[in-house]
Amino acid sequence: MTLAVEQGLVHLRIVDNGPGLSVEAQRHLFEPLFTTKQPGLGTGLGLVLVRQLVTSWGGTVELETHAGEGTTVDVRFPAERSAARSS
């Protein structure tokens, strides 16, 4: 995980070296109730809620994943608004 301020944005990058996601799963990542987990192990609300919160604060969420190669998630927020919320 890295955290940086660049060009007026707070940039959080999370990288994992897990199995990544199939092309089919990528099409549905931000849909409510979609999960790649076994029944009973996930609600499918995680990424939906993350995207809703981040965009409500003026930010963006970008996800890059390749089956067998892991996943990178980039979250960016306006730096000034982030600073105002933390005080």
PDB file of N, CA and C in Angstrom:
ATOM      1  N   MET A   1       0.853  -1.165   0.000  1.00  0.00           N
ATOM      2  CA  MET A   1       0.000   0.000   0.000  1.00  0.00           C
ATOM      3  C   MET A   1       0.902   1.232   0.000  1.00  0.00           C
ATOM      4  N   THR A   2       0.551   2.210  -0.822  1.00  0.00           N
ATOM      5  CA  THR A   2       1.269   3.482  -0.824  1.00  0.00           C
ATOM      6  C   THR A   2       0.256   4.611  -0.711  1.00  0.00           C
ATOM      7  N   LEU A   3       0.700   5.702  -0.132  1.00  0.00           N
ATOM      8  CA  LEU A   3      -0.115   6.900   0.019  1.00  0.00           C
ATOM      9  C   LEU A   3       0.746   8.086  -0.370  1.00  0.00           C
ATOM     10  N   ALA A   4       0.235   8.924  -1.260  1.00  0.00           N
ATOM     11  CA  ALA A   4       0.994  10.072  -1.739  1.00  0.00           C
ATOM     12  C   ALA A   4       0.041  11.212  -2.063  1.00  0.00           C
ATOM     13  N   VAL A   5       0.588  12.426  -2.077  1.00  0.00           N
ATOM     14  CA  VAL A   5      -0.161  13.581  -2.549  1.00  0.00           C
ATOM     15  C   VAL A   5       0.507  14.012  -3.848  1.00  0.00           C
ATOM     16  N   GLU A   6      -0.283  14.042  -4.923  1.00  0.00           N
ATOM     17  CA  GLU A   6       0.260  14.406  -6.221  1.00  0.00           C
ATOM     18  C   GLU A   6      -0.766  15.218  -6.994  1.00  0.00           C
ATOM     19  N   GLN A   7      -0.345  16.341  -7.507  1.00  0.00           N
ATOM     20  CA  GLN A   7      -1.189  17.214  -8.317  1.00  0.00           C
ATOM     21  C   GLN A   7      -2.522  17.527  -7.634  1.00  0.00           C
ATOM     22  N   GLY A   8      -2.468  17.840  -6.330  1.00  0.00           N
ATOM     23  CA  GLY A   8      -3.667  18.216  -5.601  1.00  0.00           C
ATOM     24  C   GLY A   8      -4.573  17.060  -5.201  1.00  0.00           C
ATOM     25  N   LEU A   9      -4.101  15.838  -5.399  1.00  0.00           N
ATOM     26  CA  LEU A   9      -4.900  14.658  -5.052  1.00  0.00           C
ATOM     27  C   LEU A   9      -4.168  13.780  -4.049  1.00  0.00           C
ATOM     28  N   VAL A  10      -4.916  13.247  -3.104  1.00  0.00           N
ATOM     29  CA  VAL A  10      -4.392  12.200  -2.239  1.00  0.00           C
ATOM     30  C   VAL A  10      -4.597  10.894  -2.992  1.00  0.00           C
ATOM     31  N   HIS A  11      -3.526  10.143  -3.159  1.00  0.00           N
ATOM     32  CA  HIS A  11      -3.562   8.923  -3.967  1.00  0.00           C
ATOM     33  C   HIS A  11      -3.201   7.733  -3.090  1.00  0.00           C
ATOM     34  N   LEU A  12      -4.146   6.831  -2.932  1.00  0.00           N
ATOM     35  CA  LEU A  12      -3.943   5.589  -2.193  1.00  0.00           C
ATOM     36  C   LEU A  12      -3.896   4.463  -3.211  1.00  0.00           C
ATOM     37  N   ARG A  13      -2.821   3.683  -3.193  1.00  0.00           N
ATOM     38  CA  ARG A  13      -2.684   2.542  -4.107  1.00  0.00           C
ATOM     39  C   ARG A  13      -2.519   1.277  -3.271  1.00  0.00           C
ATOM     40  N   ILE A  14      -3.361   0.288  -3.586  1.00  0.00           N
ATOM     41  CA  ILE A  14      -3.312  -1.002  -2.912  1.00  0.00           C
ATOM     42  C   ILE A  14      -3.032  -2.047  -3.982  1.00  0.00           C
ATOM     43  N   VAL A  15      -1.993  -2.848  -3.761  1.00  0.00           N
ATOM     44  CA  VAL A  15      -1.586  -3.864  -4.725  1.00  0.00           C
ATOM     45  C   VAL A  15      -1.550  -5.212  -4.022  1.00  0.00           C
ATOM     46  N   ASP A  16      -2.119  -6.219  -4.669  1.00  0.00           N
ATOM     47  CA  ASP A  16      -1.960  -7.571  -4.140  1.00  0.00           C
ATOM     48  C   ASP A  16      -1.495  -8.496  -5.246  1.00  0.00           C
ATOM     49  N   ASN A  17      -0.898  -9.593  -4.849  1.00  0.00           N
ATOM     50  CA  ASN A  17      -0.391 -10.551  -5.827  1.00  0.00           C
ATOM     51  C   ASN A  17      -1.231 -11.829  -5.823  1.00  0.00           C
ATOM     52  N   GLY A  18      -2.509 -11.675  -5.498  1.00  0.00           N
ATOM     53  CA  GLY A  18      -3.432 -12.808  -5.482  1.00  0.00           C
ATOM     54  C   GLY A  18      -3.755 -13.299  -6.881  1.00  0.00           C
ATOM     55  N   PRO A  19      -4.833 -14.058  -7.000  1.00  0.00           N
ATOM     56  CA  PRO A  19      -5.155 -14.686  -8.278  1.00  0.00           C
ATOM     57  C   PRO A  19      -5.744 -13.749  -9.323  1.00  0.00           C
ATOM     58  N   GLY A  20      -6.036 -12.511  -8.962  1.00  0.00           N
ATOM     59  CA  GLY A  20      -6.666 -11.613  -9.926  1.00  0.00           C
ATOM     60  C   GLY A  20      -8.083 -12.064 -10.228  1.00  0.00           C
ATOM     61  N   LEU A  21      -8.706 -11.426 -11.191  1.00  0.00           N
ATOM     62  CA  LEU A  21     -10.096 -11.737 -11.530  1.00  0.00           C
ATOM     63  C   LEU A  21     -10.246 -11.971 -13.019  1.00  0.00           C
ATOM     64  N   SER A  22     -11.180 -12.835 -13.345  1.00  0.00           N
ATOM     65  CA  SER A  22     -11.453 -13.133 -14.748  1.00  0.00           C
ATOM     66  C   SER A  22     -12.070 -11.916 -15.442  1.00  0.00           C
ATOM     67  N   VAL A  23     -12.035 -11.924 -16.755  1.00  0.00           N
ATOM     68  CA  VAL A  23     -12.656 -10.855 -17.536  1.00  0.00           C
ATOM     69  C   VAL A  23     -14.145 -10.781 -17.213  1.00  0.00           C
ATOM     70  N   GLU A  24     -14.806 -11.913 -17.077  1.00  0.00           N
ATOM     71  CA  GLU A  24     -16.235 -11.939 -16.758  1.00  0.00           C
ATOM     72  C   GLU A  24     -16.495 -11.287 -15.394  1.00  0.00           C
ATOM     73  N   ALA A  25     -15.701 -11.612 -14.388  1.00  0.00           N
ATOM     74  CA  ALA A  25     -15.876 -11.012 -13.063  1.00  0.00           C
ATOM     75  C   ALA A  25     -15.630  -9.506 -13.118  1.00  0.00           C
ATOM     76  N   GLN A  26     -14.665  -9.058 -13.904  1.00  0.00           N
ATOM     77  CA  GLN A  26     -14.350  -7.635 -14.012  1.00  0.00           C
ATOM     78  C   GLN A  26     -15.545  -6.829 -14.512  1.00  0.00           C
ATOM     79  N   ARG A  27     -16.363  -7.422 -15.342  1.00  0.00           N
ATOM     80  CA  ARG A  27     -17.537  -6.716 -15.873  1.00  0.00           C
ATOM     81  C   ARG A  27     -18.553  -6.380 -14.787  1.00  0.00           C
ATOM     82  N   HIS A  28     -18.494  -7.068 -13.662  1.00  0.00           N
ATOM     83  CA  HIS A  28     -19.523  -6.937 -12.630  1.00  0.00           C
ATOM     84  C   HIS A  28     -19.002  -6.409 -11.292  1.00  0.00           C
ATOM     85  N   LEU A  29     -17.750  -6.015 -11.214  1.00  0.00           N
ATOM     86  CA  LEU A  29     -17.118  -5.689  -9.932  1.00  0.00           C
ATOM     87  C   LEU A  29     -17.868  -4.663  -9.093  1.00  0.00           C
ATOM     88  N   PHE A  30     -18.445  -3.673  -9.724  1.00  0.00           N
ATOM     89  CA  PHE A  30     -19.090  -2.601  -8.966  1.00  0.00           C
ATOM     90  C   PHE A  30     -20.612  -2.733  -8.952  1.00  0.00           C
ATOM     91  N   GLU A  31     -21.118  -3.917  -9.288  1.00  0.00           N
ATOM     92  CA  GLU A  31     -22.559  -4.175  -9.225  1.00  0.00           C
ATOM     93  C   GLU A  31     -22.935  -4.651  -7.827  1.00  0.00           C
ATOM     94  N   PRO A  32     -24.036  -4.127  -7.280  1.00  0.00           N
ATOM     95  CA  PRO A  32     -24.486  -4.595  -5.968  1.00  0.00           C
ATOM     96  C   PRO A  32     -24.754  -6.098  -5.977  1.00  0.00           C
ATOM     97  N   LEU A  33     -24.331  -6.752  -4.925  1.00  0.00           N
ATOM     98  CA  LEU A  33     -24.567  -8.173  -4.662  1.00  0.00           C
ATOM     99  C   LEU A  33     -23.739  -9.117  -5.526  1.00  0.00           C
ATOM    100  N   PHE A  34     -22.818  -8.595  -6.327  1.00  0.00           N
ATOM    101  CA  PHE A  34     -21.930  -9.472  -7.086  1.00  0.00           C
ATOM    102  C   PHE A  34     -20.757  -9.866  -6.195  1.00  0.00           C
ATOM    103  N   THR A  35     -20.453 -11.149  -6.135  1.00  0.00           N
ATOM    104  CA  THR A  35     -19.295 -11.620  -5.378  1.00  0.00           C
ATOM    105  C   THR A  35     -18.665 -12.804  -6.092  1.00  0.00           C
ATOM    106  N   THR A  36     -17.377 -12.961  -5.908  1.00  0.00           N
ATOM    107  CA  THR A  36     -16.666 -14.119  -6.446  1.00  0.00           C
ATOM    108  C   THR A  36     -16.474 -15.174  -5.364  1.00  0.00           C
ATOM    109  N   LYS A  37     -16.953 -14.883  -4.161  1.00  0.00           N
ATOM    110  CA  LYS A  37     -16.789 -15.807  -3.035  1.00  0.00           C
ATOM    111  C   LYS A  37     -17.878 -16.876  -3.027  1.00  0.00           C
ATOM    112  N   GLN A  38     -17.610 -17.917  -2.286  1.00  0.00           N
ATOM    113  CA  GLN A  38     -18.571 -18.999  -2.123  1.00  0.00           C
ATOM    114  C   GLN A  38     -19.820 -18.487  -1.419  1.00  0.00           C
ATOM    115  N   PRO A  39     -20.985 -19.104  -1.656  1.00  0.00           N
ATOM    116  CA  PRO A  39     -22.218 -18.692  -0.972  1.00  0.00           C
ATOM    117  C   PRO A  39     -22.024 -18.640   0.548  1.00  0.00           C
ATOM    118  N   GLY A  40     -22.511 -17.550   1.133  1.00  0.00           N
ATOM    119  CA  GLY A  40     -22.398 -17.353   2.567  1.00  0.00           C
ATOM    120  C   GLY A  40     -21.106 -16.704   3.031  1.00  0.00           C
ATOM    121  N   LEU A  41     -20.154 -16.485   2.141  1.00  0.00           N
ATOM    122  CA  LEU A  41     -18.869 -15.906   2.526  1.00  0.00           C
ATOM    123  C   LEU A  41     -18.679 -14.455   2.105  1.00  0.00           C
ATOM    124  N   GLY A  42     -19.593 -13.910   1.335  1.00  0.00           N
ATOM    125  CA  GLY A  42     -19.470 -12.525   0.903  1.00  0.00           C
ATOM    126  C   GLY A  42     -20.822 -11.973   0.506  1.00  0.00           C
ATOM    127  N   THR A  43     -21.004 -10.670   0.737  1.00  0.00           N
ATOM    128  CA  THR A  43     -22.291 -10.049   0.411  1.00  0.00           C
ATOM    129  C   THR A  43     -22.299  -9.397  -0.955  1.00  0.00           C
ATOM    130  N   GLY A  44     -21.114  -9.091  -1.494  1.00  0.00           N
ATOM    131  CA  GLY A  44     -21.056  -8.399  -2.769  1.00  0.00           C
ATOM    132  C   GLY A  44     -21.330  -6.913  -2.648  1.00  0.00           C
ATOM    133  N   LEU A  45     -21.140  -6.355  -1.448  1.00  0.00           N
ATOM    134  CA  LEU A  45     -21.390  -4.932  -1.247  1.00  0.00           C
ATOM    135  C   LEU A  45     -20.112  -4.118  -1.053  1.00  0.00           C
ATOM    136  N   GLY A  46     -18.981  -4.765  -0.850  1.00  0.00           N
ATOM    137  CA  GLY A  46     -17.737  -4.067  -0.541  1.00  0.00           C
ATOM    138  C   GLY A  46     -17.331  -3.014  -1.548  1.00  0.00           C
ATOM    139  N   LEU A  47     -17.110  -3.411  -2.804  1.00  0.00           N
ATOM    140  CA  LEU A  47     -16.662  -2.453  -3.811  1.00  0.00           C
ATOM    141  C   LEU A  47     -17.742  -1.445  -4.171  1.00  0.00           C
ATOM    142  N   VAL A  48     -19.000  -1.854  -4.089  1.00  0.00           N
ATOM    143  CA  VAL A  48     -20.105  -0.922  -4.347  1.00  0.00           C
ATOM    144  C   VAL A  48     -20.074   0.208  -3.326  1.00  0.00           C
ATOM    145  N   LEU A  49     -19.931  -0.151  -2.050  1.00  0.00           N
ATOM    146  CA  LEU A  49     -19.895   0.869  -0.996  1.00  0.00           C
ATOM    147  C   LEU A  49     -18.646   1.736  -1.087  1.00  0.00           C
ATOM    148  N   VAL A  50     -17.516   1.128  -1.391  1.00  0.00           N
ATOM    149  CA  VAL A  50     -16.279   1.903  -1.548  1.00  0.00           C
ATOM    150  C   VAL A  50     -16.456   2.946  -2.636  1.00  0.00           C
ATOM    151  N   ARG A  51     -16.952   2.530  -3.780  1.00  0.00           N
ATOM    152  CA  ARG A  51     -17.124   3.474  -4.887  1.00  0.00           C
ATOM    153  C   ARG A  51     -18.106   4.584  -4.519  1.00  0.00           C
ATOM    154  N   GLN A  52     -19.207   4.251  -3.859  1.00  0.00           N
ATOM    155  CA  GLN A  52     -20.187   5.262  -3.472  1.00  0.00           C
ATOM    156  C   GLN A  52     -19.578   6.275  -2.502  1.00  0.00           C
ATOM    157  N   LEU A  53     -18.847   5.800  -1.511  1.00  0.00           N
ATOM    158  CA  LEU A  53     -18.222   6.714  -0.546  1.00  0.00           C
ATOM    159  C   LEU A  53     -17.176   7.598  -1.212  1.00  0.00           C
ATOM    160  N   VAL A  54     -16.317   6.988  -1.984  1.00  0.00           N
ATOM    161  CA  VAL A  54     -15.235   7.742  -2.626  1.00  0.00           C
ATOM    162  C   VAL A  54     -15.799   8.796  -3.571  1.00  0.00           C
ATOM    163  N   THR A  55     -16.769   8.447  -4.406  1.00  0.00           N
ATOM    164  CA  THR A  55     -17.323   9.438  -5.333  1.00  0.00           C
ATOM    165  C   THR A  55     -18.113  10.515  -4.601  1.00  0.00           C
ATOM    166  N   SER A  56     -18.739  10.181  -3.473  1.00  0.00           N
ATOM    167  CA  SER A  56     -19.458  11.214  -2.714  1.00  0.00           C
ATOM    168  C   SER A  56     -18.495  12.248  -2.135  1.00  0.00           C
ATOM    169  N   TRP A  57     -17.233  11.889  -1.971  1.00  0.00           N
ATOM    170  CA  TRP A  57     -16.204  12.814  -1.475  1.00  0.00           C
ATOM    171  C   TRP A  57     -15.416  13.441  -2.620  1.00  0.00           C
ATOM    172  N   GLY A  58     -15.891  13.255  -3.862  1.00  0.00           N
ATOM    173  CA  GLY A  58     -15.236  13.878  -5.008  1.00  0.00           C
ATOM    174  C   GLY A  58     -14.060  13.094  -5.549  1.00  0.00           C
ATOM    175  N   GLY A  59     -13.956  11.826  -5.190  1.00  0.00           N
ATOM    176  CA  GLY A  59     -12.824  11.024  -5.619  1.00  0.00           C
ATOM    177  C   GLY A  59     -13.174  10.015  -6.692  1.00  0.00           C
ATOM    178  N   THR A  60     -12.176   9.205  -7.034  1.00  0.00           N
ATOM    179  CA  THR A  60     -12.344   8.152  -8.038  1.00  0.00           C
ATOM    180  C   THR A  60     -11.741   6.852  -7.524  1.00  0.00           C
ATOM    181  N   VAL A  61     -12.253   5.746  -8.049  1.00  0.00           N
ATOM    182  CA  VAL A  61     -11.709   4.413  -7.779  1.00  0.00           C
ATOM    183  C   VAL A  61     -11.430   3.754  -9.119  1.00  0.00           C
ATOM    184  N   GLU A  62     -10.204   3.287  -9.287  1.00  0.00           N
ATOM    185  CA  GLU A  62      -9.837   2.558 -10.495  1.00  0.00           C
ATOM    186  C   GLU A  62      -9.263   1.218 -10.066  1.00  0.00           C
ATOM    187  N   LEU A  63      -9.655   0.179 -10.764  1.00  0.00           N
ATOM    188  CA  LEU A  63      -9.210  -1.161 -10.423  1.00  0.00           C
ATOM    189  C   LEU A  63      -8.663  -1.831 -11.670  1.00  0.00           C
ATOM    190  N   GLU A  64      -7.459  -2.376 -11.548  1.00  0.00           N
ATOM    191  CA  GLU A  64      -6.864  -3.117 -12.656  1.00  0.00           C
ATOM    192  C   GLU A  64      -6.535  -4.513 -12.151  1.00  0.00           C
ATOM    193  N   THR A  65      -7.020  -5.506 -12.829  1.00  0.00           N
ATOM    194  CA  THR A  65      -6.791  -6.878 -12.419  1.00  0.00           C
ATOM    195  C   THR A  65      -6.679  -7.774 -13.639  1.00  0.00           C
ATOM    196  N   HIS A  66      -5.847  -8.780 -13.501  1.00  0.00           N
ATOM    197  CA  HIS A  66      -5.665  -9.755 -14.570  1.00  0.00           C
ATOM    198  C   HIS A  66      -5.630 -11.134 -13.930  1.00  0.00           C
ATOM    199  N   ALA A  67      -6.386 -12.047 -14.469  1.00  0.00           N
ATOM    200  CA  ALA A  67      -6.414 -13.407 -13.930  1.00  0.00           C
ATOM    201  C   ALA A  67      -4.998 -13.961 -13.828  1.00  0.00           C
ATOM    202  N   GLY A  68      -4.644 -14.440 -12.657  1.00  0.00           N
ATOM    203  CA  GLY A  68      -3.325 -15.012 -12.424  1.00  0.00           C
ATOM    204  C   GLY A  68      -2.230 -14.009 -12.123  1.00  0.00           C
ATOM    205  N   GLU A  69      -2.543 -12.716 -12.126  1.00  0.00           N
ATOM    206  CA  GLU A  69      -1.505 -11.698 -11.972  1.00  0.00           C
ATOM    207  C   GLU A  69      -1.743 -10.712 -10.834  1.00  0.00           C
ATOM    208  N   GLY A  70      -2.827 -10.814 -10.091  1.00  0.00           N
ATOM    209  CA  GLY A  70      -3.061  -9.891  -8.988  1.00  0.00           C
ATOM    210  C   GLY A  70      -3.919  -8.707  -9.380  1.00  0.00           C
ATOM    211  N   THR A  71      -4.045  -7.775  -8.430  1.00  0.00           N
ATOM    212  CA  THR A  71      -4.956  -6.644  -8.590  1.00  0.00           C
ATOM    213  C   THR A  71      -4.315  -5.374  -8.036  1.00  0.00           C
ATOM    214  N   THR A  72      -4.572  -4.257  -8.688  1.00  0.00           N
ATOM    215  CA  THR A  72      -4.154  -2.940  -8.205  1.00  0.00           C
ATOM    216  C   THR A  72      -5.390  -2.057  -8.134  1.00  0.00           C
ATOM    217  N   VAL A  73      -5.573  -1.411  -6.987  1.00  0.00           N
ATOM    218  CA  VAL A  73      -6.684  -0.485  -6.799  1.00  0.00           C
ATOM    219  C   VAL A  73      -6.088   0.897  -6.528  1.00  0.00           C
ATOM    220  N   ASP A  74      -6.513   1.890  -7.289  1.00  0.00           N
ATOM    221  CA  ASP A  74      -6.091   3.279  -7.092  1.00  0.00           C
ATOM    222  C   ASP A  74      -7.297   4.099  -6.663  1.00  0.00           C
ATOM    223  N   VAL A  75      -7.170   4.749  -5.510  1.00  0.00           N
ATOM    224  CA  VAL A  75      -8.223   5.623  -4.985  1.00  0.00           C
ATOM    225  C   VAL A  75      -7.627   7.023  -4.906  1.00  0.00           C
ATOM    226  N   ARG A  76      -8.328   7.997  -5.470  1.00  0.00           N
ATOM    227  CA  ARG A  76      -7.845   9.382  -5.450  1.00  0.00           C
ATOM    228  C   ARG A  76      -8.937  10.295  -4.913  1.00  0.00           C
ATOM    229  N   PHE A  77      -8.525  11.227  -4.020  1.00  0.00           N
ATOM    230  CA  PHE A  77      -9.423  12.231  -3.433  1.00  0.00           C
ATOM    231  C   PHE A  77      -8.800  13.603  -3.617  1.00  0.00           C
ATOM    232  N   PRO A  78      -9.622  14.642  -3.751  1.00  0.00           N
ATOM    233  CA  PRO A  78      -9.070  15.994  -3.721  1.00  0.00           C
ATOM    234  C   PRO A  78      -8.375  16.217  -2.379  1.00  0.00           C
ATOM    235  N   ALA A  79      -7.127  16.683  -2.396  1.00  0.00           N
ATOM    236  CA  ALA A  79      -6.343  16.838  -1.171  1.00  0.00           C
ATOM    237  C   ALA A  79      -6.970  17.838  -0.193  1.00  0.00           C
ATOM    238  N   GLU A  80      -7.498  18.949  -0.666  1.00  0.00           N
ATOM    239  CA  GLU A  80      -8.051  19.950   0.236  1.00  0.00           C
ATOM    240  C   GLU A  80      -9.275  19.435   0.974  1.00  0.00           C
ATOM    241  N   ARG A  81     -10.147  18.773   0.303  1.00  0.00           N
ATOM    242  CA  ARG A  81     -11.349  18.254   0.955  1.00  0.00           C
ATOM    243  C   ARG A  81     -10.971  17.179   1.974  1.00  0.00           C
ATOM    244  N   SER A  82      -9.997  16.321   1.656  1.00  0.00           N
ATOM    245  CA  SER A  82      -9.546  15.283   2.583  1.00  0.00           C
ATOM    246  C   SER A  82      -9.010  15.897   3.850  1.00  0.00           C
ATOM    247  N   ALA A  83      -8.231  16.973   3.716  1.00  0.00           N
ATOM    248  CA  ALA A  83      -7.661  17.633   4.882  1.00  0.00           C
ATOM    249  C   ALA A  83      -8.758  18.246   5.737  1.00  0.00           C
ATOM    250  N   ALA A  84      -9.782  18.825   5.111  1.00  0.00           N
ATOM    251  CA  ALA A  84     -10.874  19.442   5.852  1.00  0.00           C
ATOM    252  C   ALA A  84     -11.665  18.401   6.625  1.00  0.00           C
ATOM    253  N   ARG A  85     -11.868  17.220   6.076  1.00  0.00           N
ATOM    254  CA  ARG A  85     -12.630  16.157   6.744  1.00  0.00           C
ATOM    255  C   ARG A  85     -11.878  15.595   7.955  1.00  0.00           C
ATOM    256  N   SER A  86     -10.549  15.607   7.931  1.00  0.00           N
ATOM    257  CA  SER A  86      -9.793  14.982   9.012  1.00  0.00           C
ATOM    258  C   SER A  86      -9.690  15.872  10.235  1.00  0.00           C
ATOM    259  N   SER A  87     -10.070  17.150  10.132  1.00  0.00           N
ATOM    260  CA  SER A  87      -9.950  18.035  11.300  1.00  0.00           C
ATOM    261  C   SER A  87     -11.212  18.091  12.110  1.00  0.00           C
TER     262      SER A  87
END
